[in-house]
Amino acid sequence: MKTARSVPCLAVMAAGLVAGTAAAQQPGFAVAEGGRPTLDRFGNRNYQLRTDVGDGIGYSQGYQTFGIFQPFMVQPDQSLLFINPRGILTFEGNFVGSLGGGMRWMDPQSERIWGMGGWFDQDTTGDFDYGQWGVSLESLGNILDVRANIYLPKDSAANVLTQQLDGRVFFVGNNIGLGRETLYQSPLAGGDFEIGGAFIPGFSDAGIRAYAGGYYMEGDVAGSGYGVKARAEALVTQNLIVNVGWSNDPFFDTNLTAAVTWYLGTGESPMWFQRMPQTTRLYQ
């Protein structure tokens, strides 16, 4: 039995997809006639272009993401609701759609951000279409970050891709049996987490973060398994982030990936290799 690497684990992918802040001067405010600032509850919208390369958890070669992060301010720089539609185009020419929404709030004393969200992904990249629900939780601090995701396929049944004789011959009573190999495509349910942040002396103030975590996946026919992962993140500028990741699990073996995310419409100055303010991360 083999498990096909053709169905993206979209909730895992979503865990690495970030948007950016649209803060030009005073986040959450617009300048009204007469020069007085007024609250713009739909301000700080931003656009995201992200390119992932390499074989990853549940996908081959890589993919291109186009996203929009649209907040609704409850209290500027402290709490917001958001929606986050995304389109994902694989390097094999297939399309995945994703729609998410949630809420974030920041404790002004500790500057720790708390967030939660829900997602639905529709995958048309393989021979069959799959839908998936996801839930995400996060706690982001100046030094330590914690993230977790749970994902459940809309339909957990495996589908047969191919069947062929494998050359084996054996007796079954008075009959002769021929071995057959079946290749399945199976949606995977599971969850993942990561812990890390800006804690490395000499690197954290230069915008470098490191993370490690684990994940669990299970599917019809495919069985279940645990994996481990790690990644490093470099804030090149406030609008450009580079990620390098590593993972290992019994389904997809060992993988190395890289990603570049570019934010549009943020109004941020370059600020090369510097720590990102927590108020900026609130709008990611």
C-alpha atoms as a PDB file:
ATOM      1  CA  MET A   1       0.000   0.000   0.000  1.00  0.00           C
ATOM      2  CA  LYS A   2       1.271   3.442  -0.899  1.00  0.00           C
ATOM      3  CA  THR A   3       0.001   6.893  -0.006  1.00  0.00           C
ATOM      4  CA  ALA A   4       0.058   9.394  -2.862  1.00  0.00           C
ATOM      5  CA  ARG A   5       1.772  12.732  -2.274  1.00  0.00           C
ATOM      6  CA  SER A   6      -0.722  14.880  -4.125  1.00  0.00           C
ATOM      7  CA  VAL A   7      -3.204  16.283  -1.607  1.00  0.00           C
ATOM      8  CA  PRO A   8      -1.933  19.352   0.262  1.00  0.00           C
ATOM      9  CA  CYS A   9      -2.386  19.302   4.028  1.00  0.00           C
ATOM     10  CA  LEU A  10      -3.881  22.748   3.735  1.00  0.00           C
ATOM     11  CA  ALA A  11      -4.188  23.509   7.434  1.00  0.00           C
ATOM     12  CA  VAL A  12      -0.448  22.888   7.802  1.00  0.00           C
ATOM     13  CA  MET A  13       0.172  25.148   4.830  1.00  0.00           C
ATOM     14  CA  ALA A  14      -2.085  27.767   6.331  1.00  0.00           C
ATOM     15  CA  ALA A  15      -0.050  27.754   9.519  1.00  0.00           C
ATOM     16  CA  GLY A  16       2.879  29.224   7.590  1.00  0.00           C
ATOM     17  CA  LEU A  17       0.933  31.765   5.566  1.00  0.00           C
ATOM     18  CA  VAL A  18       1.149  35.273   6.957  1.00  0.00           C
ATOM     19  CA  ALA A  19      -0.097  38.617   5.776  1.00  0.00           C
ATOM     20  CA  GLY A  20       1.274  42.026   6.774  1.00  0.00           C
ATOM     21  CA  THR A  21       0.322  45.301   8.303  1.00  0.00           C
ATOM     22  CA  ALA A  22      -1.127  48.176   6.355  1.00  0.00           C
ATOM     23  CA  ALA A  23      -0.058  50.776   8.888  1.00  0.00           C
ATOM     24  CA  ALA A  24       1.165  53.829   7.007  1.00  0.00           C
ATOM     25  CA  GLN A  25       1.524  56.310   9.871  1.00  0.00           C
ATOM     26  CA  GLN A  26      -1.063  55.796  12.584  1.00  0.00           C
ATOM     27  CA  PRO A  27      -2.499  52.224  12.418  1.00  0.00           C
ATOM     28  CA  GLY A  28      -6.295  52.077  12.261  1.00  0.00           C
ATOM     29  CA  PHE A  29      -6.795  55.753  11.499  1.00  0.00           C
ATOM     30  CA  ALA A  30      -7.436  57.823   8.390  1.00  0.00           C
ATOM     31  CA  VAL A  31      -6.958  61.564   7.990  1.00  0.00           C
ATOM     32  CA  ALA A  32     -10.290  63.328   7.585  1.00  0.00           C
ATOM     33  CA  GLU A  33     -10.911  66.715   6.050  1.00  0.00           C
ATOM     34  CA  GLY A  34      -9.344  69.364   8.277  1.00  0.00           C
ATOM     35  CA  GLY A  35      -6.412  67.108   9.230  1.00  0.00           C
ATOM     36  CA  ARG A  36      -8.037  65.393  12.221  1.00  0.00           C
ATOM     37  CA  PRO A  37      -7.586  61.590  12.418  1.00  0.00           C
ATOM     38  CA  THR A  38     -10.737  59.464  12.343  1.00  0.00           C
ATOM     39  CA  LEU A  39     -11.041  55.769  13.086  1.00  0.00           C
ATOM     40  CA  ASP A  40     -11.027  53.600   9.959  1.00  0.00           C
ATOM     41  CA  ARG A  41     -12.379  50.255  11.140  1.00  0.00           C
ATOM     42  CA  PHE A  42     -11.582  48.607   7.796  1.00  0.00           C
ATOM     43  CA  GLY A  43      -8.059  50.043   7.570  1.00  0.00           C
ATOM     44  CA  ASN A  44      -4.775  48.109   7.632  1.00  0.00           C
ATOM     45  CA  ARG A  45      -5.819  45.833   4.774  1.00  0.00           C
ATOM     46  CA  ASN A  46      -2.849  44.159   3.140  1.00  0.00           C
ATOM     47  CA  TYR A  47      -2.055  41.867   0.228  1.00  0.00           C
ATOM     48  CA  GLN A  48       0.258  38.886   0.291  1.00  0.00           C
ATOM     49  CA  LEU A  49       2.342  37.073  -2.302  1.00  0.00           C
ATOM     50  CA  ARG A  50       4.093  33.949  -1.059  1.00  0.00           C
ATOM     51  CA  THR A  51       6.167  31.368  -2.942  1.00  0.00           C
ATOM     52  CA  ASP A  52       6.924  27.940  -1.393  1.00  0.00           C
ATOM     53  CA  VAL A  53       9.453  25.671  -3.085  1.00  0.00           C
ATOM     54  CA  GLY A  54      10.364  22.037  -2.437  1.00  0.00           C
ATOM     55  CA  ASP A  55       8.434  18.903  -1.494  1.00  0.00           C
ATOM     56  CA  GLY A  56       6.589  19.466   1.784  1.00  0.00           C
ATOM     57  CA  ILE A  57       4.015  17.849   4.047  1.00  0.00           C
ATOM     58  CA  GLY A  58       1.417  16.591   1.591  1.00  0.00           C
ATOM     59  CA  TYR A  59       2.490  18.461  -1.555  1.00  0.00           C
ATOM     60  CA  SER A  60       5.071  18.217  -4.327  1.00  0.00           C
ATOM     61  CA  GLN A  61       7.380  20.848  -5.853  1.00  0.00           C
ATOM     62  CA  GLY A  62       5.734  23.885  -4.255  1.00  0.00           C
ATOM     63  CA  TYR A  63       3.001  26.452  -4.744  1.00  0.00           C
ATOM     64  CA  GLN A  64       2.220  30.163  -5.093  1.00  0.00           C
ATOM     65  CA  THR A  65      -0.181  31.883  -2.661  1.00  0.00           C
ATOM     66  CA  PHE A  66      -2.182  35.055  -3.242  1.00  0.00           C
ATOM     67  CA  GLY A  67      -3.946  36.385  -0.146  1.00  0.00           C
ATOM     68  CA  ILE A  68      -5.804  39.352   1.339  1.00  0.00           C
ATOM     69  CA  PHE A  69      -5.925  40.118   5.069  1.00  0.00           C
ATOM     70  CA  GLN A  70      -8.916  42.333   5.864  1.00  0.00           C
ATOM     71  CA  PRO A  71      -9.279  43.400   9.520  1.00  0.00           C
ATOM     72  CA  PHE A  72     -12.228  45.033  11.239  1.00  0.00           C
ATOM     73  CA  MET A  73     -10.966  47.180  14.102  1.00  0.00           C
ATOM     74  CA  VAL A  74     -12.635  46.691  17.463  1.00  0.00           C
ATOM     75  CA  GLN A  75      -9.980  48.728  19.273  1.00  0.00           C
ATOM     76  CA  PRO A  76      -7.005  49.971  17.202  1.00  0.00           C
ATOM     77  CA  ASP A  77      -3.730  48.221  18.005  1.00  0.00           C
ATOM     78  CA  GLN A  78      -5.450  46.028  20.618  1.00  0.00           C
ATOM     79  CA  SER A  79      -8.284  43.934  19.157  1.00  0.00           C
ATOM     80  CA  LEU A  80      -9.749  43.091  15.769  1.00  0.00           C
ATOM     81  CA  LEU A  81     -11.796  40.642  13.728  1.00  0.00           C
ATOM     82  CA  PHE A  82     -10.496  39.516  10.338  1.00  0.00           C
ATOM     83  CA  ILE A  83     -11.222  37.570   7.170  1.00  0.00           C
ATOM     84  CA  ASN A  84      -8.454  36.059   5.058  1.00  0.00           C
ATOM     85  CA  PRO A  85      -9.316  34.633   1.596  1.00  0.00           C
ATOM     86  CA  ARG A  86      -6.464  32.946  -0.253  1.00  0.00           C
ATOM     87  CA  GLY A  87      -5.879  31.345  -3.619  1.00  0.00           C
ATOM     88  CA  ILE A  88      -3.126  28.748  -3.986  1.00  0.00           C
ATOM     89  CA  LEU A  89      -1.716  27.765  -7.393  1.00  0.00           C
ATOM     90  CA  THR A  90       0.529  24.701  -7.350  1.00  0.00           C
ATOM     91  CA  PHE A  91       3.595  24.426  -9.557  1.00  0.00           C
ATOM     92  CA  GLU A  92       1.758  21.550 -11.266  1.00  0.00           C
ATOM     93  CA  GLY A  93      -0.937  23.990 -12.419  1.00  0.00           C
ATOM     94  CA  ASN A  94      -3.734  23.087  -9.980  1.00  0.00           C
ATOM     95  CA  PHE A  95      -5.801  25.430  -7.791  1.00  0.00           C
ATOM     96  CA  VAL A  96      -6.732  25.412  -4.113  1.00  0.00           C
ATOM     97  CA  GLY A  97      -9.102  27.897  -2.496  1.00  0.00           C
ATOM     98  CA  SER A  98      -9.064  28.833   1.190  1.00  0.00           C
ATOM     99  CA  LEU A  99     -11.257  31.115   3.294  1.00  0.00           C
ATOM    100  CA  GLY A 100     -10.520  31.937   6.909  1.00  0.00           C
ATOM    101  CA  GLY A 101     -11.690  34.287   9.611  1.00  0.00           C
ATOM    102  CA  GLY A 102     -11.105  34.928  13.284  1.00  0.00           C
ATOM    103  CA  MET A 103     -10.149  37.372  15.993  1.00  0.00           C
ATOM    104  CA  ARG A 104      -7.000  38.718  17.658  1.00  0.00           C
ATOM    105  CA  TRP A 105      -6.388  40.831  20.720  1.00  0.00           C
ATOM    106  CA  MET A 106      -3.250  42.141  22.428  1.00  0.00           C
ATOM    107  CA  ASP A 107      -2.662  42.669  26.133  1.00  0.00           C
ATOM    108  CA  PRO A 108      -1.266  46.244  26.280  1.00  0.00           C
ATOM    109  CA  GLN A 109       0.727  45.467  29.440  1.00  0.00           C
ATOM    110  CA  SER A 110       2.567  42.328  28.323  1.00  0.00           C
ATOM    111  CA  GLU A 111       2.225  43.046  24.571  1.00  0.00           C
ATOM    112  CA  ARG A 112       1.209  39.390  24.073  1.00  0.00           C
ATOM    113  CA  ILE A 113      -1.141  38.679  21.179  1.00  0.00           C
ATOM    114  CA  TRP A 114      -3.849  36.016  21.482  1.00  0.00           C
ATOM    115  CA  GLY A 115      -5.733  34.761  18.448  1.00  0.00           C
ATOM    116  CA  MET A 116      -8.081  32.117  17.127  1.00  0.00           C
ATOM    117  CA  GLY A 117      -9.530  31.392  13.699  1.00  0.00           C
ATOM    118  CA  GLY A 118     -11.495  28.974  11.566  1.00  0.00           C
ATOM    119  CA  TRP A 119     -10.805  27.933   7.961  1.00  0.00           C
ATOM    120  CA  PHE A 120     -12.266  26.001   5.064  1.00  0.00           C
ATOM    121  CA  ASP A 121     -10.088  24.768   2.189  1.00  0.00           C
ATOM    122  CA  GLN A 122     -11.208  23.299  -1.136  1.00  0.00           C
ATOM    123  CA  ASP A 123      -8.541  21.236  -2.892  1.00  0.00           C
ATOM    124  CA  THR A 124      -8.775  20.386  -6.607  1.00  0.00           C
ATOM    125  CA  THR A 125      -5.117  19.460  -7.103  1.00  0.00           C
ATOM    126  CA  GLY A 126      -5.506  15.704  -7.544  1.00  0.00           C
ATOM    127  CA  ASP A 127      -7.758  13.237  -9.327  1.00  0.00           C
ATOM    128  CA  PHE A 128     -10.422  13.901  -6.681  1.00  0.00           C
ATOM    129  CA  ASP A 129     -11.680  17.038  -4.944  1.00  0.00           C
ATOM    130  CA  TYR A 130     -11.357  17.381  -1.164  1.00  0.00           C
ATOM    131  CA  GLY A 131     -12.730  19.817   1.391  1.00  0.00           C
ATOM    132  CA  GLN A 132     -11.208  20.485   4.781  1.00  0.00           C
ATOM    133  CA  TRP A 133     -12.121  22.380   7.964  1.00  0.00           C
ATOM    134  CA  GLY A 134      -9.436  23.863  10.183  1.00  0.00           C
ATOM    135  CA  VAL A 135      -9.132  25.597  13.558  1.00  0.00           C
ATOM    136  CA  SER A 136      -6.074  27.640  14.578  1.00  0.00           C
ATOM    137  CA  LEU A 137      -4.904  29.023  17.934  1.00  0.00           C
ATOM    138  CA  GLU A 138      -1.948  31.322  18.582  1.00  0.00           C
ATOM    139  CA  SER A 139      -0.153  33.214  21.329  1.00  0.00           C
ATOM    140  CA  LEU A 140       2.569  35.598  20.112  1.00  0.00           C
ATOM    141  CA  GLY A 141       4.994  37.442  22.381  1.00  0.00           C
ATOM    142  CA  ASN A 142       8.126  39.549  22.064  1.00  0.00           C
ATOM    143  CA  ILE A 143      10.223  36.460  22.797  1.00  0.00           C
ATOM    144  CA  LEU A 144       8.052  33.304  22.776  1.00  0.00           C
ATOM    145  CA  ASP A 145       5.393  32.248  20.236  1.00  0.00           C
ATOM    146  CA  VAL A 146       3.069  29.240  20.372  1.00  0.00           C
ATOM    147  CA  ARG A 147       0.829  28.127  17.486  1.00  0.00           C
ATOM    148  CA  ALA A 148      -1.479  25.112  17.037  1.00  0.00           C
ATOM    149  CA  ASN A 149      -3.814  23.858  14.298  1.00  0.00           C
ATOM    150  CA  ILE A 150      -6.435  21.128  13.979  1.00  0.00           C
ATOM    151  CA  TYR A 151      -7.721  20.012  10.591  1.00  0.00           C
ATOM    152  CA  LEU A 152     -10.563  17.675   9.630  1.00  0.00           C
ATOM    153  CA  PRO A 153     -11.440  16.593   6.064  1.00  0.00           C
ATOM    154  CA  LYS A 154     -15.058  16.958   4.987  1.00  0.00           C
ATOM    155  CA  ASP A 155     -14.922  13.392   3.649  1.00  0.00           C
ATOM    156  CA  SER A 156     -12.358  11.018   5.152  1.00  0.00           C
ATOM    157  CA  ALA A 157     -12.757   8.148   2.646  1.00  0.00           C
ATOM    158  CA  ALA A 158      -9.709   7.135   0.594  1.00  0.00           C
ATOM    159  CA  ASN A 159      -9.921   6.927  -3.198  1.00  0.00           C
ATOM    160  CA  VAL A 160      -8.198   4.423  -5.486  1.00  0.00           C
ATOM    161  CA  LEU A 161      -5.799   5.984  -7.987  1.00  0.00           C
ATOM    162  CA  THR A 162      -4.325   2.897  -9.695  1.00  0.00           C
ATOM    163  CA  GLN A 163      -4.202  -0.881  -9.397  1.00  0.00           C
ATOM    164  CA  GLN A 164      -1.632  -3.135 -11.053  1.00  0.00           C
ATOM    165  CA  LEU A 165      -0.106  -6.608 -10.740  1.00  0.00           C
ATOM    166  CA  ASP A 166       3.158  -6.601  -8.795  1.00  0.00           C
ATOM    167  CA  GLY A 167       4.627  -9.887 -10.064  1.00  0.00           C
ATOM    168  CA  ARG A 168       3.937 -11.999  -6.974  1.00  0.00           C
ATOM    169  CA  VAL A 169       2.503 -15.516  -7.469  1.00  0.00           C
ATOM    170  CA  PHE A 170       1.213 -17.645  -4.577  1.00  0.00           C
ATOM    171  CA  PHE A 171      -1.138 -20.533  -3.799  1.00  0.00           C
ATOM    172  CA  VAL A 172      -4.544 -20.005  -2.205  1.00  0.00           C
ATOM    173  CA  GLY A 173      -5.785 -23.524  -1.452  1.00  0.00           C
ATOM    174  CA  ASN A 174      -6.014 -25.235  -4.828  1.00  0.00           C
ATOM    175  CA  ASN A 175      -5.871 -21.911  -6.680  1.00  0.00           C
ATOM    176  CA  ILE A 176      -3.058 -19.643  -7.822  1.00  0.00           C
ATOM    177  CA  GLY A 177      -3.136 -16.045  -6.629  1.00  0.00           C
ATOM    178  CA  LEU A 178      -1.511 -13.019  -8.235  1.00  0.00           C
ATOM    179  CA  GLY A 179      -0.292 -10.089  -6.135  1.00  0.00           C
ATOM    180  CA  ARG A 180      -1.763  -6.664  -6.816  1.00  0.00           C
ATOM    181  CA  GLU A 181      -0.492  -3.213  -5.799  1.00  0.00           C
ATOM    182  CA  THR A 182      -3.028  -0.456  -5.101  1.00  0.00           C
ATOM    183  CA  LEU A 183      -2.188   3.254  -4.923  1.00  0.00           C
ATOM    184  CA  TYR A 184      -4.560   5.323  -2.795  1.00  0.00           C
ATOM    185  CA  GLN A 185      -5.170   9.026  -2.379  1.00  0.00           C
ATOM    186  CA  SER A 186      -6.288   9.722   1.168  1.00  0.00           C
ATOM    187  CA  PRO A 187      -7.241  12.995   2.901  1.00  0.00           C
ATOM    188  CA  LEU A 188      -5.494  13.296   6.261  1.00  0.00           C
ATOM    189  CA  ALA A 189      -6.966  14.558   9.503  1.00  0.00           C
ATOM    190  CA  GLY A 190      -4.706  15.683  12.312  1.00  0.00           C
ATOM    191  CA  GLY A 191      -3.067  18.583  14.066  1.00  0.00           C
ATOM    192  CA  ASP A 192       0.230  20.381  14.510  1.00  0.00           C
ATOM    193  CA  PHE A 193       1.965  22.792  16.871  1.00  0.00           C
ATOM    194  CA  GLU A 194       5.123  24.862  17.033  1.00  0.00           C
ATOM    195  CA  ILE A 195       6.981  26.726  19.791  1.00  0.00           C
ATOM    196  CA  GLY A 196       9.766  29.243  19.314  1.00  0.00           C
ATOM    197  CA  GLY A 197      10.372  32.875  18.582  1.00  0.00           C
ATOM    198  CA  ALA A 198      12.974  35.607  18.953  1.00  0.00           C
ATOM    199  CA  PHE A 199      15.106  34.051  21.677  1.00  0.00           C
ATOM    200  CA  ILE A 200      18.506  33.509  20.018  1.00  0.00           C
ATOM    201  CA  PRO A 201      21.132  35.900  21.477  1.00  0.00           C
ATOM    202  CA  GLY A 202      22.717  38.085  18.832  1.00  0.00           C
ATOM    203  CA  PHE A 203      20.112  37.193  16.195  1.00  0.00           C
ATOM    204  CA  SER A 204      16.698  38.057  17.622  1.00  0.00           C
ATOM    205  CA  ASP A 205      17.144  41.819  17.369  1.00  0.00           C
ATOM    206  CA  ALA A 206      18.103  41.271  13.706  1.00  0.00           C
ATOM    207  CA  GLY A 207      14.662  39.831  12.956  1.00  0.00           C
ATOM    208  CA  ILE A 208      15.628  36.128  13.154  1.00  0.00           C
ATOM    209  CA  ARG A 209      13.189  33.649  14.738  1.00  0.00           C
ATOM    210  CA  ALA A 210      13.472  29.877  15.167  1.00  0.00           C
ATOM    211  CA  TYR A 211      10.699  27.323  15.771  1.00  0.00           C
ATOM    212  CA  ALA A 212      10.310  23.592  16.459  1.00  0.00           C
ATOM    213  CA  GLY A 213       7.213  21.459  16.778  1.00  0.00           C
ATOM    214  CA  GLY A 214       5.373  18.288  15.881  1.00  0.00           C
ATOM    215  CA  TYR A 215       2.312  17.029  14.085  1.00  0.00           C
ATOM    216  CA  TYR A 216      -0.021  14.053  13.860  1.00  0.00           C
ATOM    217  CA  MET A 217      -1.878  12.749  10.783  1.00  0.00           C
ATOM    218  CA  GLU A 218      -4.305   9.912  10.145  1.00  0.00           C
ATOM    219  CA  GLY A 219      -6.317   8.761   7.161  1.00  0.00           C
ATOM    220  CA  ASP A 220      -8.473   5.985   5.826  1.00  0.00           C
ATOM    221  CA  VAL A 221      -6.227   3.116   4.635  1.00  0.00           C
ATOM    222  CA  ALA A 222      -3.122   5.288   5.155  1.00  0.00           C
ATOM    223  CA  GLY A 223      -3.096   4.723   8.922  1.00  0.00           C
ATOM    224  CA  SER A 224      -1.622   7.233  11.367  1.00  0.00           C
ATOM    225  CA  GLY A 225       1.735   8.708  12.227  1.00  0.00           C
ATOM    226  CA  TYR A 226       3.615  11.435  14.079  1.00  0.00           C
ATOM    227  CA  GLY A 227       6.084  13.898  12.626  1.00  0.00           C
ATOM    228  CA  VAL A 228       8.573  16.520  13.771  1.00  0.00           C
ATOM    229  CA  LYS A 229       9.387  19.845  12.153  1.00  0.00           C
ATOM    230  CA  ALA A 230      11.601  22.911  12.536  1.00  0.00           C
ATOM    231  CA  ARG A 231      11.977  26.200  10.712  1.00  0.00           C
ATOM    232  CA  ALA A 232      13.899  29.477  10.771  1.00  0.00           C
ATOM    233  CA  GLU A 233      12.401  32.838   9.801  1.00  0.00           C
ATOM    234  CA  ALA A 234      14.273  35.972   8.728  1.00  0.00           C
ATOM    235  CA  LEU A 235      12.622  39.391   8.657  1.00  0.00           C
ATOM    236  CA  VAL A 236      14.617  40.866   5.772  1.00  0.00           C
ATOM    237  CA  THR A 237      12.435  43.989   5.795  1.00  0.00           C
ATOM    238  CA  GLN A 238       9.015  44.740   7.302  1.00  0.00           C
ATOM    239  CA  ASN A 239       7.563  43.678   3.926  1.00  0.00           C
ATOM    240  CA  LEU A 240       9.746  40.665   3.077  1.00  0.00           C
ATOM    241  CA  ILE A 241      10.091  37.455   5.128  1.00  0.00           C
ATOM    242  CA  VAL A 242      12.161  34.370   4.231  1.00  0.00           C
ATOM    243  CA  ASN A 243      11.497  30.918   5.762  1.00  0.00           C
ATOM    244  CA  VAL A 244      13.510  27.685   5.616  1.00  0.00           C
ATOM    245  CA  GLY A 245      11.837  24.541   6.975  1.00  0.00           C
ATOM    246  CA  TRP A 246      12.577  20.853   7.690  1.00  0.00           C
ATOM    247  CA  SER A 247      10.147  18.026   8.490  1.00  0.00           C
ATOM    248  CA  ASN A 248      10.139  14.256   8.914  1.00  0.00           C
ATOM    249  CA  ASP A 249       7.243  11.793   9.230  1.00  0.00           C
ATOM    250  CA  PRO A 250       6.384   8.218   8.135  1.00  0.00           C
ATOM    251  CA  PHE A 251       4.061   9.410   5.341  1.00  0.00           C
ATOM    252  CA  PHE A 252       6.267  11.905   3.478  1.00  0.00           C
ATOM    253  CA  ASP A 253       9.724  11.081   4.872  1.00  0.00           C
ATOM    254  CA  THR A 254      12.248  13.960   5.200  1.00  0.00           C
ATOM    255  CA  ASN A 255      11.651  17.253   3.425  1.00  0.00           C
ATOM    256  CA  LEU A 256      13.395  20.612   3.098  1.00  0.00           C
ATOM    257  CA  THR A 257      11.399  23.645   1.988  1.00  0.00           C
ATOM    258  CA  ALA A 258      11.924  27.371   1.503  1.00  0.00           C
ATOM    259  CA  ALA A 259       9.443  30.232   1.255  1.00  0.00           C
ATOM    260  CA  VAL A 260       9.500  33.950   0.488  1.00  0.00           C
ATOM    261  CA  THR A 261       6.578  36.192   1.502  1.00  0.00           C
ATOM    262  CA  TRP A 262       6.119  39.692   0.136  1.00  0.00           C
ATOM    263  CA  TYR A 263       3.550  42.100   1.583  1.00  0.00           C
ATOM    264  CA  LEU A 264       1.923  44.769  -0.560  1.00  0.00           C
ATOM    265  CA  GLY A 265       0.101  47.894   0.586  1.00  0.00           C
ATOM    266  CA  THR A 266       1.596  48.003   4.058  1.00  0.00           C
ATOM    267  CA  GLY A 267       3.072  51.490   3.947  1.00  0.00           C
ATOM    268  CA  GLU A 268       5.950  50.241   6.108  1.00  0.00           C
ATOM    269  CA  SER A 269       9.501  51.575   5.803  1.00  0.00           C
ATOM    270  CA  PRO A 270      12.119  48.908   4.931  1.00  0.00           C
ATOM    271  CA  MET A 271      13.742  48.578   8.407  1.00  0.00           C
ATOM    272  CA  TRP A 272      16.278  46.003   7.263  1.00  0.00           C
ATOM    273  CA  PHE A 273      16.831  43.034   9.640  1.00  0.00           C
ATOM    274  CA  GLN A 274      15.102  44.437  12.702  1.00  0.00           C
ATOM    275  CA  ARG A 275      12.709  42.999  15.269  1.00  0.00           C
ATOM    276  CA  MET A 276       9.046  43.461  14.276  1.00  0.00           C
ATOM    277  CA  PRO A 277       6.880  45.488  16.735  1.00  0.00           C
ATOM    278  CA  GLN A 278       3.976  43.600  18.325  1.00  0.00           C
ATOM    279  CA  THR A 279       1.456  46.126  17.000  1.00  0.00           C
ATOM    280  CA  THR A 280       2.635  45.241  13.486  1.00  0.00           C
ATOM    281  CA  ARG A 281       2.284  41.500  14.125  1.00  0.00           C
ATOM    282  CA  LEU A 282      -1.310  42.060  15.249  1.00  0.00           C
ATOM    283  CA  TYR A 283      -2.243  42.706  11.600  1.00  0.00           C
ATOM    284  CA  GLN A 284      -0.429  39.702  10.128  1.00  0.00           C
END
